[in-house]
Amino acid sequence: WVGYSNLAAFRTPRCGVLLGYNDRDDATPQQKEYLNEFFTKAERALLDGDWDNIKKYFDVDSFVNHYLLNEFFKNVDIATSSTRYYLKEGKLYAGPVWDLDLSTGNADKDYYGVIYSTENLHAKNGQWYKWFTKDQEFMKLVKERFVEMNDYLVNIYAQNELGYSRIDVLLAQFGESFNDNFTKAPWKVWDKTSELERIPEGTYEENVEYLRGWFEGRYNWLVKQWNIKIEN
């Protein structure tokens, strides 16, 4: 809602996307006129499915990457808060990615419903992705990017030709420090730090395996949902 994340905000003219200005000051009349004109043309192209025009106003590669990452991680906040875009040389870019604490299954079931699950699509419901994901051309690019990044996606949770999984690499590098949180510091691994988070498992090791299993489950579900063909 207006004023939730930013003091000054506006709604785009055709899709009604609520955007806040990162600058605490309101936009000047000239800036507002520019934004209204830009988003009128950009959103008209998006709603018409005109890819030649879409590429004039949207940096499609950044939107593909942004959507794939937020959908893969099932980021709770995508399109509601902590979602960044920027304008550069007449094009809208998606990103940088921000605020993933409520993702990868770390979402309270009672508050968020099925968002914690490895199944279902989430990011497709927000902002311009409502229209992008209805377009076969956009989803073709998303699936191609998935295949291109496949080894990296798998390597998050499992060892492959890229080496040990990122989870295991980070545990080896920082595991002792992580453990200090629950031995030297007064925190308890099973405590929720926010009502919005899931109830943790009882031990640190169980939470690590929960995360590993969540990534694997999400990967397998998206491969099936999007009918992605991975060459072995």
Protein backbone atom coordinates (compact mmCIF):
# COMPACT_ATOMS: atom_id res chain seq x y z
CA TRP A 1 0.00 0.00 0.00
CA VAL A 2 1.05 3.61 -0.45
CA GLY A 3 3.65 4.57 2.13
CA TYR A 4 4.44 0.98 3.17
CA SER A 5 8.05 0.86 1.98
CA ASN A 6 8.62 4.34 0.59
CA LEU A 7 7.36 7.75 1.54
CA ALA A 8 6.76 8.71 -2.07
CA ALA A 9 5.23 6.37 -4.64
CA PHE A 10 3.11 6.17 -7.78
CA ARG A 11 1.05 3.62 -9.70
CA THR A 12 1.88 2.78 -13.29
CA PRO A 13 -0.85 3.96 -15.67
CA ARG A 14 -1.95 0.69 -17.32
CA CYS A 15 -0.97 -2.23 -15.05
CA GLY A 16 -1.40 -0.38 -11.78
CA VAL A 17 1.94 -1.50 -10.34
CA LEU A 18 2.71 0.43 -7.16
CA LEU A 19 6.30 1.67 -7.18
CA GLY A 20 8.13 3.63 -4.53
CA TYR A 21 11.02 5.98 -5.22
CA ASN A 22 14.23 4.86 -3.54
CA ASP A 23 15.08 8.52 -3.03
CA ARG A 24 13.21 9.75 0.03
CA ASP A 25 12.22 12.90 -1.85
CA ASP A 26 9.25 12.92 -4.16
CA ALA A 27 9.86 13.05 -7.90
CA THR A 28 9.82 16.42 -9.62
CA PRO A 29 6.90 17.26 -11.94
CA GLN A 30 9.22 16.70 -14.91
CA GLN A 31 10.27 13.27 -13.60
CA LYS A 32 6.66 12.28 -12.99
CA GLU A 33 5.73 13.31 -16.52
CA TYR A 34 8.62 11.26 -17.90
CA LEU A 35 7.67 8.19 -15.82
CA ASN A 36 4.02 8.38 -16.81
CA GLU A 37 4.93 8.61 -20.49
CA PHE A 38 7.52 5.81 -20.22
CA PHE A 39 5.27 3.36 -18.39
CA THR A 40 2.28 4.13 -20.62
CA LYS A 41 4.32 3.02 -23.65
CA ALA A 42 6.13 0.17 -21.89
CA GLU A 43 3.00 -1.37 -20.41
CA ARG A 44 1.06 -0.95 -23.65
CA ALA A 45 3.76 -3.01 -25.38
CA LEU A 46 3.61 -5.63 -22.62
CA LEU A 47 -0.17 -5.93 -22.67
CA ASP A 48 -0.17 -6.13 -26.48
CA GLY A 49 2.51 -8.84 -26.42
CA ASP A 50 4.52 -6.83 -28.94
CA TRP A 51 8.04 -8.19 -28.46
CA ASP A 52 9.75 -5.64 -30.68
CA ASN A 53 8.30 -2.89 -28.50
CA ILE A 54 8.69 -4.81 -25.25
CA LYS A 55 12.44 -4.99 -25.88
CA LYS A 56 12.51 -1.23 -26.44
CA TYR A 57 11.32 -0.56 -22.89
CA PHE A 58 12.20 -3.67 -20.83
CA ASP A 59 15.65 -5.21 -20.50
CA VAL A 60 14.29 -8.69 -21.12
CA ASP A 61 17.42 -10.58 -20.02
CA SER A 62 17.33 -8.96 -16.58
CA PHE A 63 13.62 -9.78 -16.23
CA VAL A 64 14.25 -13.41 -17.21
CA ASN A 65 17.04 -13.73 -14.63
CA HIS A 66 15.06 -11.89 -11.98
CA TYR A 67 11.97 -14.02 -12.49
CA LEU A 68 13.85 -17.33 -12.60
CA LEU A 69 15.79 -16.61 -9.41
CA ASN A 70 12.76 -15.42 -7.44
CA GLU A 71 10.63 -18.32 -8.67
CA PHE A 72 13.32 -20.91 -7.99
CA PHE A 73 13.90 -19.59 -4.46
CA LYS A 74 10.15 -18.95 -4.07
CA ASN A 75 10.84 -15.55 -2.57
CA VAL A 76 7.90 -14.46 -0.41
CA ASP A 77 8.59 -10.75 -0.90
CA ILE A 78 8.72 -10.70 -4.69
CA ALA A 79 6.42 -7.95 -5.96
CA THR A 80 5.17 -6.94 -2.51
CA SER A 81 8.26 -5.36 -0.95
CA SER A 82 12.04 -5.38 -1.32
CA THR A 83 11.69 -5.71 -5.09
CA ARG A 84 13.99 -3.41 -7.05
CA TYR A 85 13.89 -2.01 -10.58
CA TYR A 86 15.85 0.79 -12.19
CA LEU A 87 15.69 2.87 -15.34
CA LYS A 88 18.80 3.31 -17.45
CA GLU A 89 19.04 4.89 -20.88
CA GLY A 90 15.34 4.50 -21.55
CA LYS A 91 14.96 0.88 -20.42
CA LEU A 92 13.58 -0.72 -17.28
CA TYR A 93 15.87 -3.28 -15.63
CA ALA A 94 14.81 -5.85 -13.02
CA GLY A 95 17.02 -6.08 -9.95
CA PRO A 96 19.23 -6.04 -8.09
CA VAL A 97 17.79 -8.97 -6.16
CA TRP A 98 17.20 -8.05 -2.55
CA ASP A 99 15.95 -9.59 0.70
CA LEU A 100 15.69 -13.39 0.47
CA ASP A 101 15.31 -14.19 4.17
CA LEU A 102 11.73 -15.32 3.60
CA SER A 103 12.42 -17.81 0.82
CA THR A 104 13.40 -21.46 0.25
CA GLY A 105 10.57 -22.67 2.45
CA ASN A 106 11.26 -20.26 5.32
CA ALA A 107 7.68 -19.01 5.52
CA ASP A 108 5.09 -19.50 8.24
CA LYS A 109 2.33 -21.85 7.04
CA ASP A 110 -0.46 -20.10 8.92
CA TYR A 111 0.52 -16.65 7.67
CA TYR A 112 1.61 -17.41 4.08
CA GLY A 113 -0.18 -20.64 3.27
CA VAL A 114 1.50 -22.88 0.67
CA ILE A 115 4.38 -20.52 -0.10
CA TYR A 116 6.62 -22.71 2.09
CA SER A 117 6.03 -25.69 -0.24
CA THR A 118 8.42 -26.77 -2.99
CA GLU A 119 5.39 -26.90 -5.28
CA ASN A 120 3.27 -24.17 -6.88
CA LEU A 121 4.37 -21.04 -8.71
CA HIS A 122 4.61 -17.81 -6.75
CA ALA A 123 6.65 -15.09 -8.47
CA LYS A 124 4.43 -15.28 -11.57
CA ASN A 125 1.59 -13.65 -9.63
CA GLY A 126 3.30 -10.32 -8.99
CA GLN A 127 3.62 -7.03 -10.82
CA TRP A 128 4.58 -7.26 -14.52
CA TYR A 129 5.23 -11.00 -14.21
CA LYS A 130 1.47 -11.53 -14.32
CA TRP A 131 1.71 -10.59 -18.00
CA PHE A 132 5.25 -11.72 -18.83
CA THR A 133 4.59 -15.31 -17.74
CA LYS A 134 1.49 -15.53 -19.94
CA ASP A 135 3.71 -14.90 -22.96
CA GLN A 136 5.16 -17.98 -24.65
CA GLU A 137 8.23 -16.06 -25.79
CA PHE A 138 9.10 -14.96 -22.27
CA MET A 139 8.61 -18.44 -20.82
CA LYS A 140 10.71 -19.89 -23.65
CA LEU A 141 13.55 -17.60 -22.56
CA VAL A 142 13.05 -18.56 -18.90
CA LYS A 143 13.28 -22.27 -19.70
CA GLU A 144 16.34 -21.76 -21.89
CA ARG A 145 17.99 -19.85 -19.05
CA PHE A 146 17.07 -22.65 -16.64
CA VAL A 147 18.83 -25.18 -18.89
CA GLU A 148 21.82 -22.86 -19.23
CA MET A 149 22.05 -22.52 -15.43
CA ASN A 150 21.11 -26.14 -14.68
CA ASP A 151 24.48 -27.27 -13.32
CA TYR A 152 24.64 -24.24 -11.02
CA LEU A 153 21.08 -24.80 -9.76
CA VAL A 154 21.84 -28.44 -8.94
CA ASN A 155 25.18 -27.52 -7.39
CA ILE A 156 23.42 -25.43 -4.76
CA TYR A 157 22.37 -28.64 -3.00
CA ALA A 158 24.32 -31.51 -4.60
CA GLN A 159 27.86 -32.29 -5.73
CA ASN A 160 28.30 -32.40 -9.50
CA GLU A 161 30.91 -31.54 -12.10
CA LEU A 162 31.18 -28.06 -10.58
CA GLY A 163 32.44 -29.60 -7.34
CA TYR A 164 31.04 -29.88 -3.85
CA SER A 165 27.61 -28.34 -3.34
CA ARG A 166 27.47 -24.69 -2.35
CA ILE A 167 25.83 -25.73 0.92
CA ASP A 168 28.78 -27.98 1.75
CA VAL A 169 31.34 -25.41 0.61
CA LEU A 170 29.79 -22.78 2.87
CA LEU A 171 29.59 -25.23 5.77
CA ALA A 172 33.28 -26.03 5.39
CA GLN A 173 34.18 -22.35 5.22
CA PHE A 174 31.86 -20.92 7.87
CA GLY A 175 30.42 -23.92 9.75
CA GLU A 176 32.42 -23.30 12.91
CA SER A 177 31.20 -19.71 13.03
CA PHE A 178 27.61 -20.83 12.40
CA ASN A 179 27.89 -23.31 15.25
CA ASP A 180 29.09 -20.55 17.59
CA ASN A 181 25.68 -18.91 17.21
CA PHE A 182 24.15 -21.80 19.15
CA THR A 183 26.99 -22.65 21.54
CA LYS A 184 28.78 -19.44 22.49
CA ALA A 185 25.95 -17.02 21.78
CA PRO A 186 22.60 -17.30 23.58
CA TRP A 187 20.50 -18.05 20.48
CA LYS A 188 18.62 -21.32 20.13
CA VAL A 189 18.38 -23.05 16.78
CA TRP A 190 14.69 -23.87 17.29
CA ASP A 191 13.67 -20.28 18.08
CA LYS A 192 11.73 -18.28 15.51
CA THR A 193 13.24 -14.82 15.11
CA SER A 194 10.09 -13.61 13.34
CA GLU A 195 6.46 -14.70 13.31
CA LEU A 196 6.74 -14.74 9.52
CA GLU A 197 9.33 -17.54 9.49
CA ARG A 198 8.80 -21.30 9.62
CA ILE A 199 9.26 -23.21 12.85
CA PRO A 200 12.85 -24.50 12.63
CA GLU A 201 13.89 -28.11 13.05
CA GLY A 202 15.29 -29.08 16.42
CA THR A 203 18.97 -29.21 15.47
CA TYR A 204 21.25 -27.21 13.22
CA GLU A 205 22.07 -30.29 11.13
CA GLU A 206 18.37 -30.98 10.57
CA ASN A 207 17.86 -27.44 9.33
CA VAL A 208 20.77 -27.79 6.91
CA GLU A 209 19.21 -30.94 5.49
CA TYR A 210 15.81 -29.27 5.34
CA LEU A 211 17.32 -26.55 3.14
CA ARG A 212 19.15 -29.08 0.98
CA GLY A 213 15.98 -31.12 0.53
CA TRP A 214 13.91 -28.02 -0.19
CA PHE A 215 16.22 -26.98 -3.04
CA GLU A 216 16.16 -30.48 -4.53
CA GLY A 217 12.39 -30.66 -4.28
CA ARG A 218 11.94 -27.23 -5.86
CA TYR A 219 14.33 -28.08 -8.68
CA ASN A 220 12.54 -31.34 -9.49
CA TRP A 221 9.10 -29.73 -9.34
CA LEU A 222 10.04 -26.88 -11.69
CA VAL A 223 11.68 -29.27 -14.16
CA LYS A 224 8.43 -31.23 -14.30
CA GLN A 225 6.14 -28.18 -14.22
CA TRP A 226 7.95 -26.44 -17.06
CA ASN A 227 8.65 -29.67 -18.96
CA ILE A 228 12.35 -28.88 -19.11
CA LYS A 229 14.59 -31.33 -20.94
CA ILE A 230 18.01 -31.76 -19.35
CA GLU A 231 20.63 -33.58 -21.40
CA ASN A 232 22.81 -35.87 -19.31
